Amino acid sequence: AELHGWPVMRSLWMHYPQDTETFGLEKQWMLGEDLLVTPVIEQGETSTNVYFPGKDNWFDVISYEKYEGGSHVRVAASLTKIPVYQRS
């Protein structure tokens, strides 16, 4: 953020401008360079859809489960576990 003037929390398309899948995603964002955040924002929801952009692998920061870039996955979520993924 300091080097480019970008906000710490930013849209996925800022990191993946070639990936048109990222253009309409409003419920996901990058936190810094390597964290993907996809919170549940609807009352009563227990899961959410996550798009893992790019060709990178992504790892759940709690369970370390691996996800491949370019995939759409429905993941469990709750008030006690916000879906957050680390880019490898």
N, C-alpha and C. Protein backbone atom coordinates (compact mmCIF):
# COMPACT_ATOMS: atom_id res chain seq x y z
N ALA A 1 0.84 -1.19 0.00
CA ALA A 1 0.00 0.00 0.00
C ALA A 1 0.88 1.25 0.00
N GLU A 2 1.90 1.23 0.77
CA GLU A 2 2.78 2.40 0.88
C GLU A 2 3.50 2.70 -0.43
N LEU A 3 3.89 1.67 -1.16
CA LEU A 3 4.65 1.87 -2.39
C LEU A 3 3.78 2.31 -3.57
N HIS A 4 2.53 1.81 -3.63
CA HIS A 4 1.68 2.08 -4.78
C HIS A 4 0.55 3.07 -4.49
N GLY A 5 0.31 3.41 -3.25
CA GLY A 5 -0.79 4.28 -2.90
C GLY A 5 -2.13 3.57 -2.89
N TRP A 6 -2.11 2.22 -2.89
CA TRP A 6 -3.34 1.44 -2.87
C TRP A 6 -3.85 1.32 -1.44
N PRO A 7 -5.17 1.22 -1.27
CA PRO A 7 -5.71 0.96 0.07
C PRO A 7 -5.34 -0.46 0.51
N VAL A 8 -5.30 -0.69 1.80
CA VAL A 8 -4.97 -2.02 2.32
C VAL A 8 -6.05 -3.03 1.93
N MET A 9 -7.32 -2.63 1.99
CA MET A 9 -8.44 -3.47 1.60
C MET A 9 -8.86 -3.05 0.20
N ARG A 10 -8.79 -3.99 -0.76
CA ARG A 10 -9.07 -3.61 -2.15
C ARG A 10 -9.78 -4.71 -2.92
N SER A 11 -10.42 -4.30 -4.00
CA SER A 11 -11.14 -5.23 -4.88
C SER A 11 -10.18 -6.21 -5.53
N LEU A 12 -10.70 -7.41 -5.82
CA LEU A 12 -9.87 -8.44 -6.45
C LEU A 12 -9.35 -8.01 -7.82
N TRP A 13 -10.15 -7.24 -8.57
CA TRP A 13 -9.72 -6.85 -9.92
C TRP A 13 -8.46 -5.99 -9.91
N MET A 14 -8.15 -5.36 -8.78
CA MET A 14 -6.91 -4.58 -8.71
C MET A 14 -5.68 -5.47 -8.80
N HIS A 15 -5.79 -6.70 -8.27
CA HIS A 15 -4.68 -7.65 -8.33
C HIS A 15 -4.75 -8.55 -9.56
N TYR A 16 -5.97 -8.75 -10.06
CA TYR A 16 -6.19 -9.67 -11.17
C TYR A 16 -6.97 -8.97 -12.29
N PRO A 17 -6.41 -7.92 -12.90
CA PRO A 17 -7.15 -7.18 -13.93
C PRO A 17 -7.43 -7.98 -15.19
N GLN A 18 -6.69 -9.05 -15.45
CA GLN A 18 -6.91 -9.89 -16.63
C GLN A 18 -8.02 -10.92 -16.38
N ASP A 19 -8.40 -11.13 -15.13
CA ASP A 19 -9.39 -12.15 -14.77
C ASP A 19 -10.77 -11.50 -14.68
N THR A 20 -11.56 -11.63 -15.74
CA THR A 20 -12.87 -10.98 -15.78
C THR A 20 -13.84 -11.50 -14.72
N GLU A 21 -13.58 -12.68 -14.17
CA GLU A 21 -14.41 -13.22 -13.08
C GLU A 21 -14.38 -12.29 -11.86
N THR A 22 -13.31 -11.54 -11.69
CA THR A 22 -13.17 -10.69 -10.50
C THR A 22 -13.94 -9.38 -10.60
N PHE A 23 -14.37 -9.01 -11.80
CA PHE A 23 -14.97 -7.69 -11.99
C PHE A 23 -16.26 -7.47 -11.22
N GLY A 24 -17.10 -8.47 -11.11
CA GLY A 24 -18.39 -8.29 -10.44
C GLY A 24 -18.45 -8.76 -9.00
N LEU A 25 -17.33 -9.17 -8.45
CA LEU A 25 -17.34 -9.70 -7.08
C LEU A 25 -17.35 -8.56 -6.06
N GLU A 26 -18.45 -8.46 -5.33
CA GLU A 26 -18.59 -7.39 -4.35
C GLU A 26 -18.48 -7.88 -2.91
N LYS A 27 -18.54 -9.20 -2.72
CA LYS A 27 -18.49 -9.76 -1.36
C LYS A 27 -17.12 -10.32 -1.01
N GLN A 28 -16.14 -10.12 -1.87
CA GLN A 28 -14.78 -10.61 -1.63
C GLN A 28 -13.81 -9.46 -1.82
N TRP A 29 -12.71 -9.51 -1.10
CA TRP A 29 -11.68 -8.50 -1.31
C TRP A 29 -10.34 -9.04 -0.86
N MET A 30 -9.30 -8.34 -1.27
CA MET A 30 -7.95 -8.64 -0.83
C MET A 30 -7.63 -7.77 0.37
N LEU A 31 -6.97 -8.33 1.32
CA LEU A 31 -6.46 -7.59 2.46
C LEU A 31 -4.95 -7.63 2.32
N GLY A 32 -4.37 -6.52 1.91
CA GLY A 32 -2.95 -6.52 1.59
C GLY A 32 -2.72 -7.28 0.29
N GLU A 33 -1.54 -7.81 0.14
CA GLU A 33 -1.16 -8.49 -1.10
C GLU A 33 -1.61 -9.95 -1.17
N ASP A 34 -1.77 -10.61 -0.02
CA ASP A 34 -1.89 -12.07 -0.05
C ASP A 34 -3.07 -12.68 0.69
N LEU A 35 -3.95 -11.89 1.28
CA LEU A 35 -5.11 -12.45 1.99
C LEU A 35 -6.39 -12.17 1.23
N LEU A 36 -7.17 -13.22 1.01
CA LEU A 36 -8.47 -13.13 0.36
C LEU A 36 -9.53 -13.29 1.45
N VAL A 37 -10.45 -12.33 1.55
CA VAL A 37 -11.48 -12.34 2.59
C VAL A 37 -12.85 -12.44 1.92
N THR A 38 -13.68 -13.37 2.41
CA THR A 38 -15.03 -13.56 1.88
C THR A 38 -16.00 -13.73 3.04
N PRO A 39 -16.43 -12.65 3.66
CA PRO A 39 -17.30 -12.79 4.82
C PRO A 39 -18.73 -13.16 4.44
N VAL A 40 -19.43 -13.77 5.37
CA VAL A 40 -20.87 -14.00 5.24
C VAL A 40 -21.55 -12.73 5.71
N ILE A 41 -22.42 -12.18 4.87
CA ILE A 41 -23.05 -10.91 5.24
C ILE A 41 -24.57 -11.00 5.34
N GLU A 42 -25.13 -12.15 5.06
CA GLU A 42 -26.57 -12.34 5.17
C GLU A 42 -26.90 -13.09 6.45
N GLN A 43 -27.88 -12.59 7.18
CA GLN A 43 -28.29 -13.24 8.43
C GLN A 43 -28.74 -14.67 8.16
N GLY A 44 -28.26 -15.59 8.99
CA GLY A 44 -28.64 -16.99 8.88
C GLY A 44 -27.82 -17.82 7.90
N GLU A 45 -26.97 -17.20 7.11
CA GLU A 45 -26.12 -17.94 6.17
C GLU A 45 -25.10 -18.78 6.93
N THR A 46 -24.87 -19.99 6.46
CA THR A 46 -23.87 -20.86 7.06
C THR A 46 -22.78 -21.26 6.07
N SER A 47 -22.91 -20.76 4.85
CA SER A 47 -21.88 -21.01 3.83
C SER A 47 -21.92 -19.88 2.83
N THR A 48 -20.87 -19.81 2.02
CA THR A 48 -20.79 -18.77 1.00
C THR A 48 -19.96 -19.27 -0.18
N ASN A 49 -20.17 -18.67 -1.33
CA ASN A 49 -19.38 -19.01 -2.52
C ASN A 49 -18.12 -18.18 -2.53
N VAL A 50 -17.02 -18.84 -2.85
CA VAL A 50 -15.72 -18.16 -2.93
C VAL A 50 -15.14 -18.41 -4.31
N TYR A 51 -14.66 -17.34 -4.93
CA TYR A 51 -13.90 -17.48 -6.17
C TYR A 51 -12.44 -17.25 -5.83
N PHE A 52 -11.59 -18.22 -6.18
CA PHE A 52 -10.16 -18.13 -5.95
C PHE A 52 -9.49 -17.66 -7.25
N PRO A 53 -9.07 -16.41 -7.31
CA PRO A 53 -8.57 -15.85 -8.56
C PRO A 53 -7.16 -16.31 -8.93
N GLY A 54 -6.83 -16.07 -10.18
CA GLY A 54 -5.48 -16.32 -10.66
C GLY A 54 -5.14 -17.78 -10.80
N LYS A 55 -3.86 -18.04 -10.87
CA LYS A 55 -3.35 -19.41 -10.99
C LYS A 55 -2.67 -19.86 -9.71
N ASP A 56 -2.72 -19.00 -8.69
CA ASP A 56 -2.08 -19.32 -7.42
C ASP A 56 -2.90 -20.35 -6.65
N ASN A 57 -2.24 -21.04 -5.74
CA ASN A 57 -2.95 -21.86 -4.78
C ASN A 57 -3.31 -20.98 -3.59
N TRP A 58 -4.42 -21.30 -2.95
CA TRP A 58 -4.90 -20.56 -1.79
C TRP A 58 -5.09 -21.55 -0.65
N PHE A 59 -4.78 -21.12 0.57
CA PHE A 59 -4.91 -21.98 1.74
C PHE A 59 -5.77 -21.30 2.79
N ASP A 60 -6.74 -22.06 3.32
CA ASP A 60 -7.55 -21.57 4.43
C ASP A 60 -6.62 -21.29 5.60
N VAL A 61 -6.71 -20.12 6.21
CA VAL A 61 -5.77 -19.75 7.27
C VAL A 61 -6.00 -20.51 8.57
N ILE A 62 -7.16 -21.16 8.72
CA ILE A 62 -7.44 -21.95 9.93
C ILE A 62 -7.17 -23.43 9.69
N SER A 63 -7.76 -24.00 8.63
CA SER A 63 -7.67 -25.45 8.40
C SER A 63 -6.51 -25.84 7.49
N TYR A 64 -5.92 -24.88 6.79
CA TYR A 64 -4.84 -25.10 5.81
C TYR A 64 -5.31 -25.90 4.59
N GLU A 65 -6.62 -26.01 4.40
CA GLU A 65 -7.13 -26.69 3.22
C GLU A 65 -6.72 -25.90 1.98
N LYS A 66 -6.32 -26.62 0.93
CA LYS A 66 -5.80 -26.00 -0.28
C LYS A 66 -6.90 -25.86 -1.33
N TYR A 67 -6.90 -24.72 -2.04
CA TYR A 67 -7.83 -24.45 -3.13
C TYR A 67 -7.03 -23.95 -4.33
N GLU A 68 -7.43 -24.36 -5.51
CA GLU A 68 -6.72 -23.97 -6.73
C GLU A 68 -7.28 -22.67 -7.29
N GLY A 69 -6.40 -21.82 -7.78
CA GLY A 69 -6.81 -20.59 -8.43
C GLY A 69 -7.68 -20.87 -9.63
N GLY A 70 -8.63 -19.98 -9.88
CA GLY A 70 -9.55 -20.15 -11.00
C GLY A 70 -10.77 -20.97 -10.67
N SER A 71 -10.91 -21.41 -9.42
CA SER A 71 -12.05 -22.26 -9.05
C SER A 71 -13.08 -21.50 -8.21
N HIS A 72 -14.32 -21.98 -8.30
CA HIS A 72 -15.43 -21.50 -7.48
C HIS A 72 -15.75 -22.62 -6.49
N VAL A 73 -15.84 -22.28 -5.21
CA VAL A 73 -16.10 -23.29 -4.18
C VAL A 73 -17.10 -22.74 -3.17
N ARG A 74 -18.03 -23.57 -2.75
CA ARG A 74 -18.95 -23.20 -1.66
C ARG A 74 -18.28 -23.66 -0.37
N VAL A 75 -18.07 -22.74 0.56
CA VAL A 75 -17.37 -23.06 1.81
C VAL A 75 -18.25 -22.76 3.01
N ALA A 76 -18.02 -23.50 4.09
CA ALA A 76 -18.74 -23.26 5.34
C ALA A 76 -18.25 -21.96 5.96
N ALA A 77 -19.17 -21.27 6.61
CA ALA A 77 -18.83 -20.02 7.28
C ALA A 77 -19.78 -19.84 8.46
N SER A 78 -19.34 -19.10 9.43
CA SER A 78 -20.18 -18.85 10.60
C SER A 78 -19.76 -17.54 11.23
N LEU A 79 -20.43 -17.20 12.30
CA LEU A 79 -20.05 -15.99 13.03
C LEU A 79 -18.68 -16.12 13.67
N THR A 80 -18.24 -17.36 13.90
CA THR A 80 -16.94 -17.57 14.54
C THR A 80 -15.82 -17.89 13.56
N LYS A 81 -16.15 -18.08 12.27
CA LYS A 81 -15.11 -18.36 11.26
C LYS A 81 -15.40 -17.62 9.96
N ILE A 82 -14.72 -16.51 9.76
CA ILE A 82 -14.81 -15.77 8.51
C ILE A 82 -13.87 -16.44 7.51
N PRO A 83 -14.34 -16.76 6.31
CA PRO A 83 -13.46 -17.37 5.32
C PRO A 83 -12.34 -16.42 4.89
N VAL A 84 -11.12 -16.79 5.26
CA VAL A 84 -9.91 -16.03 4.90
C VAL A 84 -8.89 -17.00 4.34
N TYR A 85 -8.25 -16.62 3.23
CA TYR A 85 -7.33 -17.51 2.53
C TYR A 85 -6.02 -16.79 2.24
N GLN A 86 -4.95 -17.52 2.39
CA GLN A 86 -3.59 -17.02 2.14
C GLN A 86 -3.15 -17.49 0.76
N ARG A 87 -2.69 -16.56 -0.05
CA ARG A 87 -2.15 -16.92 -1.37
C ARG A 87 -0.76 -17.50 -1.17
N SER A 88 -0.47 -18.58 -1.92
CA SER A 88 0.87 -19.17 -1.80
C SER A 88 1.80 -18.63 -2.85
